[in-house]
Amino acid sequence: MIKLTVLYDTPADIEAFDAHYMGTHVPLAKAVPGIHRVEITRFSPGADGSAPRYHLMAELYFADAAAMQAALGTPEGKELGADVVNLGGTPATHLVGTVA
């Protein structure tokens, strides 16, 4: 199994980001054929109250690399990719790895 992980920095407007992300972006991701599971993690402040390095983490699971490429190439996958511009320019780190 392959996992695409996206780590989002803290957005300039957290409320607007969260509203769009959870209300539009996540449903778009869940509609992409070939995605087995979508998990979203919102990070909390550290034990000392310090701000977390990242705001959110999205994890998208696929059967394998070919399935990931095929899924992201579907009309639904392209719509998900096109929606990124609506996240307010929030920087994100993308990682792909094999689930052990």
N, C-alpha and C. Protein backbone atom coordinates (compact mmCIF):
# COMPACT_ATOMS: atom_id res chain seq x y z
N MET A 1 0.85 -1.17 0.00
CA MET A 1 0.00 0.00 0.00
C MET A 1 0.90 1.24 0.00
N ILE A 2 0.46 2.26 -0.73
CA ILE A 2 1.18 3.54 -0.84
C ILE A 2 0.38 4.61 -0.12
N LYS A 3 1.08 5.51 0.53
CA LYS A 3 0.42 6.62 1.22
C LYS A 3 1.00 7.94 0.75
N LEU A 4 0.10 8.85 0.37
CA LEU A 4 0.47 10.23 0.07
C LEU A 4 0.16 11.03 1.32
N THR A 5 1.18 11.66 1.90
CA THR A 5 1.02 12.49 3.09
C THR A 5 1.24 13.93 2.69
N VAL A 6 0.33 14.81 3.11
CA VAL A 6 0.46 16.24 2.85
C VAL A 6 0.44 16.95 4.20
N LEU A 7 1.53 17.66 4.50
CA LEU A 7 1.66 18.43 5.74
C LEU A 7 1.47 19.90 5.41
N TYR A 8 0.44 20.49 5.98
CA TYR A 8 0.11 21.90 5.72
C TYR A 8 0.67 22.79 6.82
N ASP A 9 1.40 23.84 6.42
CA ASP A 9 1.84 24.85 7.37
C ASP A 9 0.62 25.56 7.94
N THR A 10 0.81 26.34 8.97
CA THR A 10 -0.29 27.10 9.55
C THR A 10 -0.71 28.18 8.56
N PRO A 11 -1.99 28.17 8.16
CA PRO A 11 -2.46 29.15 7.18
C PRO A 11 -2.59 30.55 7.79
N ALA A 12 -2.58 31.55 6.93
CA ALA A 12 -2.75 32.93 7.38
C ALA A 12 -4.12 33.13 8.02
N ASP A 13 -5.16 32.53 7.45
CA ASP A 13 -6.51 32.62 7.98
C ASP A 13 -6.97 31.20 8.31
N ILE A 14 -6.76 30.80 9.55
CA ILE A 14 -7.04 29.42 9.97
C ILE A 14 -8.51 29.07 9.78
N GLU A 15 -9.41 29.97 10.18
CA GLU A 15 -10.85 29.66 10.08
C GLU A 15 -11.28 29.46 8.63
N ALA A 16 -10.83 30.32 7.73
CA ALA A 16 -11.19 30.18 6.32
C ALA A 16 -10.59 28.90 5.73
N PHE A 17 -9.34 28.62 6.07
CA PHE A 17 -8.69 27.40 5.59
C PHE A 17 -9.46 26.17 6.06
N ASP A 18 -9.73 26.10 7.36
CA ASP A 18 -10.42 24.92 7.91
C ASP A 18 -11.80 24.75 7.30
N ALA A 19 -12.53 25.85 7.11
CA ALA A 19 -13.88 25.76 6.55
C ALA A 19 -13.82 25.19 5.12
N HIS A 20 -12.90 25.70 4.31
CA HIS A 20 -12.80 25.21 2.94
C HIS A 20 -12.23 23.79 2.92
N TYR A 21 -11.21 23.55 3.70
CA TYR A 21 -10.55 22.24 3.68
C TYR A 21 -11.52 21.14 4.07
N MET A 22 -12.19 21.31 5.20
CA MET A 22 -13.08 20.26 5.69
C MET A 22 -14.40 20.22 4.91
N GLY A 23 -14.88 21.37 4.46
CA GLY A 23 -16.16 21.43 3.77
C GLY A 23 -16.11 21.12 2.30
N THR A 24 -14.96 21.35 1.66
CA THR A 24 -14.85 21.15 0.21
C THR A 24 -13.72 20.20 -0.16
N HIS A 25 -12.51 20.47 0.32
CA HIS A 25 -11.34 19.70 -0.12
C HIS A 25 -11.41 18.23 0.31
N VAL A 26 -11.75 17.98 1.55
CA VAL A 26 -11.82 16.59 2.02
C VAL A 26 -12.92 15.81 1.28
N PRO A 27 -14.12 16.38 1.10
CA PRO A 27 -15.11 15.65 0.31
C PRO A 27 -14.64 15.37 -1.13
N LEU A 28 -13.90 16.29 -1.73
CA LEU A 28 -13.34 16.03 -3.06
C LEU A 28 -12.38 14.85 -3.02
N ALA A 29 -11.52 14.80 -1.99
CA ALA A 29 -10.57 13.70 -1.86
C ALA A 29 -11.29 12.37 -1.69
N LYS A 30 -12.34 12.37 -0.89
CA LYS A 30 -13.08 11.13 -0.65
C LYS A 30 -13.83 10.65 -1.89
N ALA A 31 -14.04 11.53 -2.86
CA ALA A 31 -14.74 11.17 -4.09
C ALA A 31 -13.81 10.62 -5.17
N VAL A 32 -12.50 10.68 -4.95
CA VAL A 32 -11.55 10.20 -5.96
C VAL A 32 -11.56 8.67 -5.98
N PRO A 33 -11.89 8.07 -7.12
CA PRO A 33 -11.87 6.60 -7.19
C PRO A 33 -10.45 6.09 -7.05
N GLY A 34 -10.30 5.03 -6.26
CA GLY A 34 -8.98 4.45 -6.07
C GLY A 34 -8.31 4.85 -4.76
N ILE A 35 -8.88 5.82 -4.07
CA ILE A 35 -8.35 6.14 -2.73
C ILE A 35 -9.05 5.21 -1.75
N HIS A 36 -8.24 4.44 -1.01
CA HIS A 36 -8.80 3.48 -0.06
C HIS A 36 -9.25 4.15 1.23
N ARG A 37 -8.50 5.15 1.67
CA ARG A 37 -8.80 5.79 2.95
C ARG A 37 -8.23 7.19 2.95
N VAL A 38 -8.95 8.10 3.61
CA VAL A 38 -8.50 9.48 3.80
C VAL A 38 -8.49 9.74 5.30
N GLU A 39 -7.36 10.16 5.83
CA GLU A 39 -7.25 10.51 7.25
C GLU A 39 -6.74 11.94 7.38
N ILE A 40 -7.36 12.70 8.26
CA ILE A 40 -6.95 14.08 8.51
C ILE A 40 -6.58 14.20 9.98
N THR A 41 -5.42 14.78 10.25
CA THR A 41 -4.97 15.02 11.62
C THR A 41 -4.76 16.51 11.81
N ARG A 42 -5.37 17.08 12.83
CA ARG A 42 -5.13 18.49 13.18
C ARG A 42 -4.20 18.45 14.39
N PHE A 43 -3.09 19.16 14.29
CA PHE A 43 -2.08 19.12 15.35
C PHE A 43 -2.43 20.08 16.48
N SER A 44 -2.05 19.68 17.68
CA SER A 44 -2.30 20.46 18.89
C SER A 44 -1.02 21.13 19.35
N PRO A 45 -1.15 22.16 20.19
CA PRO A 45 0.06 22.78 20.76
C PRO A 45 0.85 21.76 21.56
N GLY A 46 2.15 22.00 21.68
CA GLY A 46 3.01 21.14 22.46
C GLY A 46 2.67 21.20 23.95
N ALA A 47 3.25 20.32 24.72
CA ALA A 47 3.00 20.29 26.17
C ALA A 47 3.36 21.61 26.83
N ASP A 48 4.31 22.34 26.23
CA ASP A 48 4.72 23.64 26.79
C ASP A 48 3.89 24.79 26.22
N GLY A 49 2.87 24.46 25.41
CA GLY A 49 2.01 25.48 24.82
C GLY A 49 2.53 26.04 23.51
N SER A 50 3.66 25.53 23.05
CA SER A 50 4.23 26.04 21.80
C SER A 50 3.37 25.62 20.61
N ALA A 51 3.37 26.47 19.58
CA ALA A 51 2.61 26.19 18.37
C ALA A 51 3.22 24.99 17.65
N PRO A 52 2.37 24.13 17.09
CA PRO A 52 2.90 22.99 16.33
C PRO A 52 3.54 23.46 15.03
N ARG A 53 4.47 22.69 14.51
CA ARG A 53 5.16 23.01 13.26
C ARG A 53 4.18 23.04 12.09
N TYR A 54 3.22 22.10 12.10
CA TYR A 54 2.24 22.00 11.02
C TYR A 54 0.83 22.17 11.59
N HIS A 55 -0.07 22.63 10.73
CA HIS A 55 -1.47 22.81 11.11
C HIS A 55 -2.26 21.52 10.92
N LEU A 56 -2.13 20.91 9.75
CA LEU A 56 -2.88 19.70 9.40
C LEU A 56 -2.00 18.71 8.67
N MET A 57 -2.40 17.45 8.77
CA MET A 57 -1.78 16.40 7.97
C MET A 57 -2.90 15.60 7.30
N ALA A 58 -2.80 15.45 6.00
CA ALA A 58 -3.73 14.60 5.25
C ALA A 58 -2.98 13.36 4.80
N GLU A 59 -3.60 12.21 4.96
CA GLU A 59 -3.00 10.96 4.52
C GLU A 59 -4.00 10.26 3.59
N LEU A 60 -3.55 10.01 2.37
CA LEU A 60 -4.38 9.36 1.35
C LEU A 60 -3.74 8.01 1.01
N TYR A 61 -4.50 6.95 1.13
CA TYR A 61 -3.98 5.59 0.93
C TYR A 61 -4.45 5.02 -0.40
N PHE A 62 -3.50 4.41 -1.12
CA PHE A 62 -3.76 3.79 -2.42
C PHE A 62 -3.18 2.37 -2.42
N ALA A 63 -3.67 1.52 -3.31
CA ALA A 63 -3.18 0.14 -3.39
C ALA A 63 -1.69 0.09 -3.71
N ASP A 64 -1.25 0.92 -4.66
CA ASP A 64 0.15 0.95 -5.05
C ASP A 64 0.41 2.24 -5.84
N ALA A 65 1.63 2.42 -6.28
CA ALA A 65 2.00 3.66 -6.98
C ALA A 65 1.20 3.85 -8.27
N ALA A 66 0.99 2.76 -9.01
CA ALA A 66 0.22 2.86 -10.25
C ALA A 66 -1.22 3.27 -9.97
N ALA A 67 -1.79 2.74 -8.90
CA ALA A 67 -3.16 3.10 -8.52
C ALA A 67 -3.23 4.56 -8.10
N MET A 68 -2.19 5.06 -7.43
CA MET A 68 -2.17 6.46 -7.03
C MET A 68 -2.14 7.36 -8.27
N GLN A 69 -1.27 7.03 -9.21
CA GLN A 69 -1.19 7.82 -10.44
C GLN A 69 -2.50 7.79 -11.21
N ALA A 70 -3.11 6.61 -11.29
CA ALA A 70 -4.38 6.48 -12.01
C ALA A 70 -5.47 7.29 -11.31
N ALA A 71 -5.54 7.20 -9.99
CA ALA A 71 -6.57 7.91 -9.23
C ALA A 71 -6.44 9.42 -9.39
N LEU A 72 -5.22 9.92 -9.29
CA LEU A 72 -5.01 11.36 -9.39
C LEU A 72 -5.19 11.87 -10.82
N GLY A 73 -5.18 10.96 -11.79
CA GLY A 73 -5.41 11.33 -13.18
C GLY A 73 -6.88 11.30 -13.60
N THR A 74 -7.75 10.83 -12.72
CA THR A 74 -9.19 10.81 -13.03
C THR A 74 -9.74 12.23 -12.98
N PRO A 75 -10.92 12.46 -13.53
CA PRO A 75 -11.53 13.79 -13.42
C PRO A 75 -11.67 14.25 -11.96
N GLU A 76 -12.01 13.32 -11.07
CA GLU A 76 -12.13 13.66 -9.65
C GLU A 76 -10.78 14.01 -9.04
N GLY A 77 -9.74 13.27 -9.45
CA GLY A 77 -8.39 13.57 -8.96
C GLY A 77 -7.91 14.92 -9.45
N LYS A 78 -8.22 15.23 -10.70
CA LYS A 78 -7.84 16.53 -11.26
C LYS A 78 -8.60 17.66 -10.57
N GLU A 79 -9.86 17.41 -10.24
CA GLU A 79 -10.65 18.43 -9.53
C GLU A 79 -10.06 18.68 -8.14
N LEU A 80 -9.63 17.62 -7.47
CA LEU A 80 -8.97 17.75 -6.17
C LEU A 80 -7.71 18.59 -6.31
N GLY A 81 -6.88 18.29 -7.30
CA GLY A 81 -5.66 19.05 -7.52
C GLY A 81 -5.92 20.51 -7.83
N ALA A 82 -6.95 20.77 -8.63
CA ALA A 82 -7.29 22.14 -9.00
C ALA A 82 -7.79 22.94 -7.81
N ASP A 83 -8.36 22.25 -6.81
CA ASP A 83 -8.91 22.95 -5.65
C ASP A 83 -7.83 23.50 -4.72
N VAL A 84 -6.60 23.06 -4.88
CA VAL A 84 -5.51 23.51 -4.01
C VAL A 84 -5.37 25.03 -4.02
N VAL A 85 -5.65 25.68 -5.13
CA VAL A 85 -5.54 27.14 -5.19
C VAL A 85 -6.51 27.82 -4.23
N ASN A 86 -7.55 27.11 -3.81
CA ASN A 86 -8.54 27.68 -2.90
C ASN A 86 -8.13 27.56 -1.43
N LEU A 87 -6.91 27.07 -1.18
CA LEU A 87 -6.43 26.93 0.19
C LEU A 87 -5.61 28.12 0.63
N GLY A 88 -5.72 29.22 -0.08
CA GLY A 88 -5.11 30.48 0.34
C GLY A 88 -3.60 30.54 0.24
N GLY A 89 -3.00 29.72 -0.59
CA GLY A 89 -1.55 29.75 -0.74
C GLY A 89 -0.79 29.16 0.43
N THR A 90 -1.48 28.39 1.26
CA THR A 90 -0.83 27.77 2.41
C THR A 90 0.23 26.78 1.94
N PRO A 91 1.48 26.96 2.35
CA PRO A 91 2.53 26.02 1.94
C PRO A 91 2.25 24.61 2.45
N ALA A 92 2.63 23.62 1.65
CA ALA A 92 2.43 22.23 2.02
C ALA A 92 3.61 21.40 1.57
N THR A 93 3.93 20.38 2.35
CA THR A 93 4.97 19.41 2.04
C THR A 93 4.30 18.11 1.66
N HIS A 94 4.68 17.54 0.52
CA HIS A 94 4.10 16.29 0.03
C HIS A 94 5.13 15.17 0.15
N LEU A 95 4.70 14.05 0.71
CA LEU A 95 5.56 12.88 0.88
C LEU A 95 4.81 11.65 0.38
N VAL A 96 5.52 10.75 -0.27
CA VAL A 96 4.93 9.48 -0.72
C VAL A 96 5.78 8.38 -0.14
N GLY A 97 5.11 7.37 0.45
CA GLY A 97 5.86 6.27 1.02
C GLY A 97 5.06 4.99 1.02
N THR A 98 5.76 3.89 1.21
CA THR A 98 5.15 2.58 1.29
C THR A 98 4.77 2.30 2.74
N VAL A 99 3.54 1.84 2.93
CA VAL A 99 3.07 1.50 4.28
C VAL A 99 3.63 0.14 4.64
N ALA A 100 4.32 0.09 5.76
CA ALA A 100 4.95 -1.18 6.19
C ALA A 100 3.96 -2.05 6.95
